[in-house]
Amino acid sequence: MSPSEPDPDEGSGESAGLPITLIVSPASGRLRVLPPVRFRGGREWVEAGQPVARVEHGGSADDILAPMHGRLGGVLGHDGQPVKAGQPVAWIERGGEPST
C-alpha cells in the first residue's frame, strides 16, 4: 500500500466522511421493522434512543435503537428476514429536521 492510499483497516463506518450512520443488529434473529413515529416533509425523523426495528430470537427480542437524531434514510431488509449480529439493518442521515 502506498503512503497516499488510506489504510482500509483504519477506523470503520464513518471514516469515509459520509453524512450517514449505519445501525447494526445487536443479535442474530428475525428483523421486525417498526412503524414510523414521526414524519415531516415526507420523511421519517427519529430521536436518539428511539427503536427503529427489532430483532426477535428464541422467545425474546432486542430493540434496534437510533444512535442519534436524524432522518431515517432506509431499512436494509424486509420484515421477517433473518439477520446476523453486527449486520447493518438501517441508516440515519445526520442533520436538522426541516421546520414546518
Protein backbone atom coordinates (compact mmCIF):
# COMPACT_ATOMS: atom_id res chain seq x y z
CA MET A 1 0.00 0.00 0.00
CA SER A 2 1.41 3.40 -0.93
CA PRO A 3 1.53 6.29 1.58
CA SER A 4 -1.16 8.15 -0.39
CA GLU A 5 -3.68 5.30 -0.08
CA PRO A 6 -5.83 5.18 3.07
CA ASP A 7 -5.44 2.12 5.28
CA PRO A 8 -8.69 0.11 4.86
CA ASP A 9 -8.35 -1.21 8.43
CA GLU A 10 -8.10 2.27 9.92
CA GLY A 11 -11.46 3.08 11.52
CA SER A 12 -14.80 1.87 10.18
CA GLY A 13 -18.18 3.13 9.06
CA GLU A 14 -17.95 6.89 9.39
CA SER A 15 -14.28 7.10 8.42
CA ALA A 16 -15.36 7.68 4.81
CA GLY A 17 -16.68 11.11 5.79
CA LEU A 18 -20.22 10.35 4.63
CA PRO A 19 -23.07 12.09 6.49
CA ILE A 20 -24.73 8.77 7.41
CA THR A 21 -24.53 6.36 10.31
CA LEU A 22 -25.19 2.66 9.88
CA ILE A 23 -27.25 0.92 12.53
CA VAL A 24 -26.35 -2.72 13.13
CA SER A 25 -28.29 -5.60 14.60
CA PRO A 26 -27.37 -6.35 18.24
CA ALA A 27 -28.19 -10.07 17.82
CA SER A 28 -28.99 -12.76 15.30
CA GLY A 29 -32.65 -13.44 14.62
CA ARG A 30 -35.56 -12.16 12.53
CA LEU A 31 -35.79 -8.47 11.66
CA ARG A 32 -39.04 -6.76 12.57
CA VAL A 33 -39.49 -3.29 11.08
CA LEU A 34 -41.34 -0.92 13.41
CA PRO A 35 -43.90 1.60 12.11
CA PRO A 36 -42.74 5.20 11.78
CA VAL A 37 -43.39 7.55 14.69
CA ARG A 38 -42.93 10.97 13.08
CA PHE A 39 -42.97 12.27 9.50
CA ARG A 40 -42.05 15.79 8.38
CA GLY A 41 -41.65 16.86 4.79
CA GLY A 42 -42.43 13.31 3.62
CA ARG A 43 -39.52 11.84 5.59
CA GLU A 44 -39.24 9.84 8.79
CA TRP A 45 -37.34 11.55 11.61
CA VAL A 46 -36.03 9.73 14.68
CA GLU A 47 -34.62 10.73 18.04
CA ALA A 48 -31.59 9.22 19.77
CA GLY A 49 -32.66 6.08 21.63
CA GLN A 50 -35.86 5.60 19.62
CA PRO A 51 -36.48 1.99 18.50
CA VAL A 52 -36.44 1.79 14.68
CA ALA A 53 -36.59 -2.02 14.37
CA ARG A 54 -36.49 -5.15 16.49
CA VAL A 55 -34.69 -8.49 16.27
CA GLU A 56 -36.66 -11.47 17.51
CA HIS A 57 -34.72 -14.54 18.60
CA GLY A 58 -35.99 -17.51 20.54
CA GLY A 59 -38.62 -16.25 22.95
CA SER A 60 -37.16 -12.76 23.29
CA ALA A 61 -36.44 -9.65 21.24
CA ASP A 62 -33.91 -6.82 21.18
CA ASP A 63 -34.82 -3.32 20.04
CA ILE A 64 -32.54 -1.67 17.50
CA LEU A 65 -32.19 1.93 18.65
CA ALA A 66 -31.36 5.07 16.71
CA PRO A 67 -27.95 6.25 17.95
CA MET A 68 -28.73 9.91 17.23
CA HIS A 69 -31.31 12.39 15.98
CA GLY A 70 -31.71 12.44 12.21
CA ARG A 71 -33.64 11.24 9.19
CA LEU A 72 -34.11 7.51 8.86
CA GLY A 73 -32.66 7.01 5.40
CA GLY A 74 -33.77 3.43 4.99
CA VAL A 75 -34.03 -0.08 6.33
CA LEU A 76 -31.71 -2.67 4.78
CA GLY A 77 -34.05 -5.65 4.91
CA HIS A 78 -37.61 -6.86 4.92
CA ASP A 79 -39.85 -7.66 7.85
CA GLY A 80 -39.19 -11.25 8.95
CA GLN A 81 -35.84 -11.50 7.16
CA PRO A 82 -33.06 -13.33 9.06
CA VAL A 83 -30.21 -11.07 10.23
CA LYS A 84 -26.89 -11.73 11.96
CA ALA A 85 -25.39 -9.89 14.92
CA GLY A 86 -23.43 -6.89 13.63
CA GLN A 87 -25.22 -6.84 10.28
CA PRO A 88 -26.23 -3.35 9.08
CA VAL A 89 -30.01 -3.08 9.15
CA ALA A 90 -30.70 0.66 8.67
CA TRP A 91 -29.04 4.02 8.24
CA ILE A 92 -29.62 7.53 9.54
CA GLU A 93 -28.72 10.75 7.77
CA ARG A 94 -27.41 13.39 10.13
CA GLY A 95 -28.93 16.82 10.06
CA GLY A 96 -31.63 19.03 11.40
CA GLU A 97 -35.29 18.43 10.89
CA PRO A 98 -36.93 20.89 8.49
CA SER A 99 -39.32 23.36 10.03
CA THR A 100 -42.99 23.20 9.08
